[in-house]
Every structure is written in C-alpha cells, then in structure tokens.
Amino acid sequence: MEPTASGTRLTESFDADRPLGSVMTWITEKWTGSNDRDADLQRGMTTTLARIKAAAEMA
C-alpha cells in the first residue's frame, strides 16, 4: 500500500517457479482447466484488486 495524491495505490505481485515439472503442469491444468498459468495468475490478481477497491470505496 502506497499513499498517493488521490488516495492509495495497492500493488499485488507473485513469484512463480519456472518451469513447472510435468506432474505439476498436469495437476495445474486439471485443477484450473487452463494451460496458461501466467494468464490465470494475472486474471486472479486483477480480480482481487478490483474487489478490494470496490470494498474500500463502499466504506
């Protein structure tokens, strides 16, 4: 969280080991239904930040 002139900037990040082994790749694909792990992580972060923003603006 970082103060800005108009409010607060919230930043989320992640560290992902690369490459996943073949077993972990298979498990991840079966669990998420996707074979694009980076896109899934990016979508998840975008969703999380949007939900936090919406909750903060309701307060």
N, C-alpha and C. Protein backbone atom coordinates (compact mmCIF):
# COMPACT_ATOMS: atom_id res chain seq x y z
N MET A 1 0.85 -1.16 0.00
CA MET A 1 0.00 0.00 0.00
C MET A 1 0.90 1.23 0.00
N GLU A 2 0.55 2.17 -0.86
CA GLU A 2 1.36 3.37 -1.01
C GLU A 2 0.43 4.58 -1.14
N PRO A 3 0.62 5.58 -0.28
CA PRO A 3 -0.22 6.79 -0.39
C PRO A 3 0.05 7.51 -1.70
N THR A 4 -1.00 8.05 -2.29
CA THR A 4 -0.87 8.88 -3.49
C THR A 4 -1.63 10.17 -3.25
N ALA A 5 -1.53 11.12 -4.17
CA ALA A 5 -2.23 12.39 -4.03
C ALA A 5 -3.74 12.21 -3.99
N SER A 6 -4.24 11.17 -4.65
CA SER A 6 -5.69 10.98 -4.73
C SER A 6 -6.20 9.81 -3.89
N GLY A 7 -5.33 9.14 -3.13
CA GLY A 7 -5.79 8.00 -2.33
C GLY A 7 -4.65 7.06 -2.00
N THR A 8 -4.83 5.80 -2.32
CA THR A 8 -3.84 4.77 -2.00
C THR A 8 -3.66 3.85 -3.19
N ARG A 9 -2.42 3.52 -3.49
CA ARG A 9 -2.12 2.55 -4.55
C ARG A 9 -1.83 1.21 -3.86
N LEU A 10 -2.54 0.20 -4.28
CA LEU A 10 -2.35 -1.16 -3.75
C LEU A 10 -1.74 -2.01 -4.85
N THR A 11 -0.63 -2.64 -4.55
CA THR A 11 0.07 -3.46 -5.54
C THR A 11 0.12 -4.89 -5.05
N GLU A 12 -0.19 -5.82 -5.95
CA GLU A 12 -0.09 -7.24 -5.66
C GLU A 12 0.93 -7.83 -6.62
N SER A 13 1.72 -8.77 -6.14
CA SER A 13 2.69 -9.42 -7.01
C SER A 13 2.76 -10.90 -6.65
N PHE A 14 3.47 -11.64 -7.47
CA PHE A 14 3.64 -13.06 -7.23
C PHE A 14 4.99 -13.51 -7.77
N ASP A 15 5.49 -14.57 -7.21
CA ASP A 15 6.69 -15.24 -7.72
C ASP A 15 6.26 -16.64 -8.11
N ALA A 16 6.51 -17.00 -9.33
CA ALA A 16 6.15 -18.34 -9.81
C ALA A 16 7.41 -19.06 -10.27
N ASP A 17 7.60 -20.25 -9.74
CA ASP A 17 8.75 -21.04 -10.17
C ASP A 17 8.56 -21.43 -11.62
N ARG A 18 9.63 -21.37 -12.37
CA ARG A 18 9.58 -21.76 -13.77
C ARG A 18 10.70 -22.72 -14.06
N PRO A 19 10.54 -23.63 -14.91
CA PRO A 19 9.25 -24.15 -15.36
C PRO A 19 8.69 -25.13 -14.33
N LEU A 20 7.41 -25.32 -14.39
CA LEU A 20 6.80 -26.35 -13.55
C LEU A 20 7.20 -27.71 -14.12
N GLY A 21 7.34 -28.67 -13.24
CA GLY A 21 7.61 -30.02 -13.72
C GLY A 21 6.39 -30.58 -14.43
N SER A 22 6.55 -31.67 -15.12
CA SER A 22 5.46 -32.22 -15.92
C SER A 22 4.27 -32.65 -15.05
N VAL A 23 4.53 -33.19 -13.87
CA VAL A 23 3.44 -33.61 -12.99
C VAL A 23 2.67 -32.38 -12.49
N MET A 24 3.40 -31.35 -12.05
CA MET A 24 2.74 -30.14 -11.56
C MET A 24 2.00 -29.42 -12.68
N THR A 25 2.54 -29.44 -13.87
CA THR A 25 1.84 -28.84 -15.01
C THR A 25 0.52 -29.56 -15.24
N TRP A 26 0.53 -30.88 -15.22
CA TRP A 26 -0.68 -31.67 -15.42
C TRP A 26 -1.70 -31.38 -14.32
N ILE A 27 -1.25 -31.36 -13.05
CA ILE A 27 -2.15 -31.08 -11.93
C ILE A 27 -2.75 -29.69 -12.05
N THR A 28 -1.92 -28.71 -12.38
CA THR A 28 -2.40 -27.33 -12.52
C THR A 28 -3.43 -27.22 -13.63
N GLU A 29 -3.18 -27.86 -14.75
CA GLU A 29 -4.14 -27.82 -15.86
C GLU A 29 -5.46 -28.47 -15.48
N LYS A 30 -5.40 -29.60 -14.77
CA LYS A 30 -6.63 -30.29 -14.35
C LYS A 30 -7.39 -29.47 -13.31
N TRP A 31 -6.66 -28.84 -12.40
CA TRP A 31 -7.27 -28.08 -11.31
C TRP A 31 -7.91 -26.79 -11.81
N THR A 32 -7.21 -26.08 -12.71
CA THR A 32 -7.71 -24.78 -13.17
C THR A 32 -8.48 -24.87 -14.48
N GLY A 33 -8.31 -25.95 -15.22
CA GLY A 33 -8.94 -26.06 -16.52
C GLY A 33 -8.26 -25.21 -17.58
N SER A 34 -7.06 -24.77 -17.30
CA SER A 34 -6.34 -23.89 -18.22
C SER A 34 -4.89 -24.34 -18.33
N ASN A 35 -4.31 -24.08 -19.47
CA ASN A 35 -2.88 -24.39 -19.63
C ASN A 35 -2.04 -23.12 -19.70
N ASP A 36 -2.64 -21.95 -19.40
CA ASP A 36 -1.92 -20.68 -19.41
C ASP A 36 -1.83 -20.14 -17.99
N ARG A 37 -0.87 -20.63 -17.25
CA ARG A 37 -0.72 -20.30 -15.83
C ARG A 37 -0.51 -18.80 -15.61
N ASP A 38 0.33 -18.16 -16.43
CA ASP A 38 0.58 -16.73 -16.27
C ASP A 38 -0.69 -15.91 -16.45
N ALA A 39 -1.47 -16.24 -17.46
CA ALA A 39 -2.73 -15.51 -17.69
C ALA A 39 -3.69 -15.72 -16.53
N ASP A 40 -3.74 -16.94 -15.99
CA ASP A 40 -4.61 -17.23 -14.85
C ASP A 40 -4.20 -16.41 -13.63
N LEU A 41 -2.90 -16.35 -13.36
CA LEU A 41 -2.40 -15.58 -12.22
C LEU A 41 -2.71 -14.09 -12.41
N GLN A 42 -2.51 -13.59 -13.61
CA GLN A 42 -2.78 -12.17 -13.89
C GLN A 42 -4.27 -11.86 -13.70
N ARG A 43 -5.12 -12.73 -14.23
CA ARG A 43 -6.58 -12.54 -14.06
C ARG A 43 -6.96 -12.56 -12.59
N GLY A 44 -6.39 -13.49 -11.84
CA GLY A 44 -6.69 -13.59 -10.42
C GLY A 44 -6.28 -12.34 -9.66
N MET A 45 -5.11 -11.81 -9.97
CA MET A 45 -4.66 -10.59 -9.30
C MET A 45 -5.56 -9.41 -9.66
N THR A 46 -5.92 -9.30 -10.92
CA THR A 46 -6.79 -8.21 -11.35
C THR A 46 -8.14 -8.29 -10.63
N THR A 47 -8.69 -9.48 -10.52
CA THR A 47 -9.97 -9.68 -9.82
C THR A 47 -9.84 -9.31 -8.35
N THR A 48 -8.78 -9.77 -7.70
CA THR A 48 -8.57 -9.47 -6.29
C THR A 48 -8.48 -7.97 -6.05
N LEU A 49 -7.67 -7.29 -6.85
CA LEU A 49 -7.51 -5.85 -6.67
C LEU A 49 -8.81 -5.10 -6.92
N ALA A 50 -9.58 -5.51 -7.90
CA ALA A 50 -10.87 -4.86 -8.17
C ALA A 50 -11.83 -5.05 -7.00
N ARG A 51 -11.84 -6.23 -6.42
CA ARG A 51 -12.73 -6.49 -5.28
C ARG A 51 -12.31 -5.69 -4.06
N ILE A 52 -11.02 -5.58 -3.81
CA ILE A 52 -10.54 -4.77 -2.69
C ILE A 52 -10.90 -3.30 -2.91
N LYS A 53 -10.74 -2.80 -4.12
CA LYS A 53 -11.09 -1.42 -4.45
C LYS A 53 -12.58 -1.17 -4.20
N ALA A 54 -13.42 -2.08 -4.68
CA ALA A 54 -14.87 -1.93 -4.52
C ALA A 54 -15.25 -1.93 -3.04
N ALA A 55 -14.65 -2.82 -2.27
CA ALA A 55 -14.96 -2.88 -0.84
C ALA A 55 -14.51 -1.61 -0.12
N ALA A 56 -13.33 -1.11 -0.47
CA ALA A 56 -12.82 0.09 0.16
C ALA A 56 -13.67 1.31 -0.18
N GLU A 57 -14.17 1.36 -1.40
CA GLU A 57 -14.99 2.51 -1.81
C GLU A 57 -16.39 2.48 -1.22
N MET A 58 -16.83 1.31 -0.74
CA MET A 58 -18.15 1.20 -0.10
C MET A 58 -18.10 1.71 1.34
N ALA A 59 -16.92 1.69 1.93
CA ALA A 59 -16.76 2.06 3.35
C ALA A 59 -16.92 3.55 3.56
